Amino acid sequence: MSLSRVEVEKVALLSRLRLSDAELDTITADLAKIVGYVDQLAEVSTEGVEPMAHAIEITNVFRDDSSSESLPREEALANAPHHDTRGYLVPAVLGE
């Protein structure tokens, strides 16, 4: 599949891009190469290949969840500019 300058101009218009003639020429050539690579991929036989979400195997890198003691309230509120013994104090947003 080839890509014409008219098609690139239409995509630029839909994308609200103002491109000069030189930019249109460059982008048309670049996009034509990309479409050519996609056409090459379409030629590859994928018979018997399982679909996958990632090109490489990914494993969970997070640590296991575990219960632990919470931060003491006084320590959690220590850097708050306004607080009382129960929590943070913030200005009312929706009224009182």
C-alpha atoms as a PDB file:
ATOM      1  CA  MET A   1       0.000   0.000   0.000  1.00  0.00           C
ATOM      2  CA  SER A   2       1.378   3.388  -0.938  1.00  0.00           C
ATOM      3  CA  LEU A   3       0.595   6.681   0.700  1.00  0.00           C
ATOM      4  CA  SER A   4      -0.067   9.791  -1.377  1.00  0.00           C
ATOM      5  CA  ARG A   5       0.573  13.410  -0.568  1.00  0.00           C
ATOM      6  CA  VAL A   6      -3.180  14.098  -0.832  1.00  0.00           C
ATOM      7  CA  GLU A   7      -3.846  11.532   1.924  1.00  0.00           C
ATOM      8  CA  VAL A   8      -1.194  13.124   4.153  1.00  0.00           C
ATOM      9  CA  GLU A   9      -2.712  16.558   3.508  1.00  0.00           C
ATOM     10  CA  LYS A  10      -6.128  15.219   4.535  1.00  0.00           C
ATOM     11  CA  VAL A  11      -4.722  13.712   7.748  1.00  0.00           C
ATOM     12  CA  ALA A  12      -2.929  16.993   8.495  1.00  0.00           C
ATOM     13  CA  LEU A  13      -6.185  18.883   7.979  1.00  0.00           C
ATOM     14  CA  LEU A  14      -8.110  16.516  10.250  1.00  0.00           C
ATOM     15  CA  SER A  15      -5.332  16.808  12.842  1.00  0.00           C
ATOM     16  CA  ARG A  16      -5.429  20.605  12.610  1.00  0.00           C
ATOM     17  CA  LEU A  17      -1.767  20.706  11.538  1.00  0.00           C
ATOM     18  CA  ARG A  18      -0.504  23.486   9.312  1.00  0.00           C
ATOM     19  CA  LEU A  19       2.377  22.014   7.325  1.00  0.00           C
ATOM     20  CA  SER A  20       4.620  23.655   4.745  1.00  0.00           C
ATOM     21  CA  ASP A  21       5.276  22.036   1.366  1.00  0.00           C
ATOM     22  CA  ALA A  22       8.686  20.835   2.565  1.00  0.00           C
ATOM     23  CA  GLU A  23       7.154  19.336   5.711  1.00  0.00           C
ATOM     24  CA  LEU A  24       4.456  17.619   3.662  1.00  0.00           C
ATOM     25  CA  ASP A  25       7.102  16.079   1.404  1.00  0.00           C
ATOM     26  CA  THR A  26       9.145  14.851   4.363  1.00  0.00           C
ATOM     27  CA  ILE A  27       6.160  13.493   6.281  1.00  0.00           C
ATOM     28  CA  THR A  28       4.741  11.804   3.178  1.00  0.00           C
ATOM     29  CA  ALA A  29       8.048   9.993   2.629  1.00  0.00           C
ATOM     30  CA  ASP A  30       8.358   9.032   6.318  1.00  0.00           C
ATOM     31  CA  LEU A  31       4.784   7.770   6.584  1.00  0.00           C
ATOM     32  CA  ALA A  32       5.188   5.822   3.324  1.00  0.00           C
ATOM     33  CA  LYS A  33       8.182   4.024   4.877  1.00  0.00           C
ATOM     34  CA  ILE A  34       6.170   3.228   8.019  1.00  0.00           C
ATOM     35  CA  VAL A  35       3.276   1.854   5.970  1.00  0.00           C
ATOM     36  CA  GLY A  36       5.808  -0.196   3.987  1.00  0.00           C
ATOM     37  CA  TYR A  37       7.134  -1.743   7.207  1.00  0.00           C
ATOM     38  CA  VAL A  38       3.590  -2.582   8.298  1.00  0.00           C
ATOM     39  CA  ASP A  39       3.011  -4.250   4.907  1.00  0.00           C
ATOM     40  CA  GLN A  40       6.155  -6.325   5.505  1.00  0.00           C
ATOM     41  CA  LEU A  41       4.777  -7.462   8.859  1.00  0.00           C
ATOM     42  CA  ALA A  42       1.548  -8.541   7.180  1.00  0.00           C
ATOM     43  CA  GLU A  43       3.581 -10.973   5.054  1.00  0.00           C
ATOM     44  CA  VAL A  44       4.844 -12.884   8.101  1.00  0.00           C
ATOM     45  CA  SER A  45       2.996 -16.086   8.881  1.00  0.00           C
ATOM     46  CA  THR A  46       1.440 -15.971  12.339  1.00  0.00           C
ATOM     47  CA  GLU A  47      -0.135 -19.423  12.133  1.00  0.00           C
ATOM     48  CA  GLY A  48       0.013 -21.067  15.561  1.00  0.00           C
ATOM     49  CA  VAL A  49       1.398 -17.979  17.310  1.00  0.00           C
ATOM     50  CA  GLU A  50      -0.417 -17.104  20.523  1.00  0.00           C
ATOM     51  CA  PRO A  51      -1.496 -13.463  20.837  1.00  0.00           C
ATOM     52  CA  MET A  52       0.384 -11.563  23.509  1.00  0.00           C
ATOM     53  CA  ALA A  53       0.097  -8.213  25.221  1.00  0.00           C
ATOM     54  CA  HIS A  54       3.851  -7.536  25.273  1.00  0.00           C
ATOM     55  CA  ALA A  55       6.731  -8.435  22.998  1.00  0.00           C
ATOM     56  CA  ILE A  56       8.722  -9.769  25.955  1.00  0.00           C
ATOM     57  CA  GLU A  57       7.733 -11.711  29.059  1.00  0.00           C
ATOM     58  CA  ILE A  58       6.881  -9.381  31.893  1.00  0.00           C
ATOM     59  CA  THR A  59       6.633 -10.441  35.499  1.00  0.00           C
ATOM     60  CA  ASN A  60       5.248  -8.522  38.423  1.00  0.00           C
ATOM     61  CA  VAL A  61       8.016  -6.442  39.984  1.00  0.00           C
ATOM     62  CA  PHE A  62       5.991  -5.328  42.988  1.00  0.00           C
ATOM     63  CA  ARG A  63       6.526  -6.692  46.453  1.00  0.00           C
ATOM     64  CA  ASP A  64       3.937  -8.885  48.111  1.00  0.00           C
ATOM     65  CA  ASP A  65       1.223  -7.157  50.115  1.00  0.00           C
ATOM     66  CA  SER A  66       1.688  -7.513  53.820  1.00  0.00           C
ATOM     67  CA  SER A  67       0.067  -6.032  56.900  1.00  0.00           C
ATOM     68  CA  SER A  68       2.107  -3.781  59.132  1.00  0.00           C
ATOM     69  CA  GLU A  69       1.626  -1.144  61.777  1.00  0.00           C
ATOM     70  CA  SER A  70       0.276   2.187  60.563  1.00  0.00           C
ATOM     71  CA  LEU A  71       2.155   5.427  60.985  1.00  0.00           C
ATOM     72  CA  PRO A  72       1.237   7.020  64.332  1.00  0.00           C
ATOM     73  CA  ARG A  73      -1.297   9.826  63.851  1.00  0.00           C
ATOM     74  CA  GLU A  74       0.941  12.444  65.487  1.00  0.00           C
ATOM     75  CA  GLU A  75       3.767  11.583  63.107  1.00  0.00           C
ATOM     76  CA  ALA A  76       1.467  11.616  60.062  1.00  0.00           C
ATOM     77  CA  LEU A  77       0.140  15.071  61.006  1.00  0.00           C
ATOM     78  CA  ALA A  78       3.528  16.510  62.007  1.00  0.00           C
ATOM     79  CA  ASN A  79       4.147  18.394  58.728  1.00  0.00           C
ATOM     80  CA  ALA A  80       0.553  19.480  58.090  1.00  0.00           C
ATOM     81  CA  PRO A  81       0.148  23.259  58.258  1.00  0.00           C
ATOM     82  CA  HIS A  82      -3.269  22.947  59.946  1.00  0.00           C
ATOM     83  CA  HIS A  83      -4.471  19.956  61.891  1.00  0.00           C
ATOM     84  CA  ASP A  84      -6.213  18.935  65.077  1.00  0.00           C
ATOM     85  CA  THR A  85      -6.007  15.695  67.046  1.00  0.00           C
ATOM     86  CA  ARG A  86      -8.151  13.832  64.481  1.00  0.00           C
ATOM     87  CA  GLY A  87      -6.778  14.881  61.070  1.00  0.00           C
ATOM     88  CA  TYR A  88      -5.960  17.566  58.546  1.00  0.00           C
ATOM     89  CA  LEU A  89      -7.852  20.857  58.589  1.00  0.00           C
ATOM     90  CA  VAL A  90      -8.701  22.337  55.179  1.00  0.00           C
ATOM     91  CA  PRO A  91     -10.946  25.201  54.108  1.00  0.00           C
ATOM     92  CA  ALA A  92     -14.559  24.299  53.331  1.00  0.00           C
ATOM     93  CA  VAL A  93     -15.102  23.917  49.588  1.00  0.00           C
ATOM     94  CA  LEU A  94     -18.867  23.540  49.397  1.00  0.00           C
ATOM     95  CA  GLY A  95     -19.773  25.770  52.317  1.00  0.00           C
ATOM     96  CA  GLU A  96     -20.357  25.029  55.965  1.00  0.00           C
END
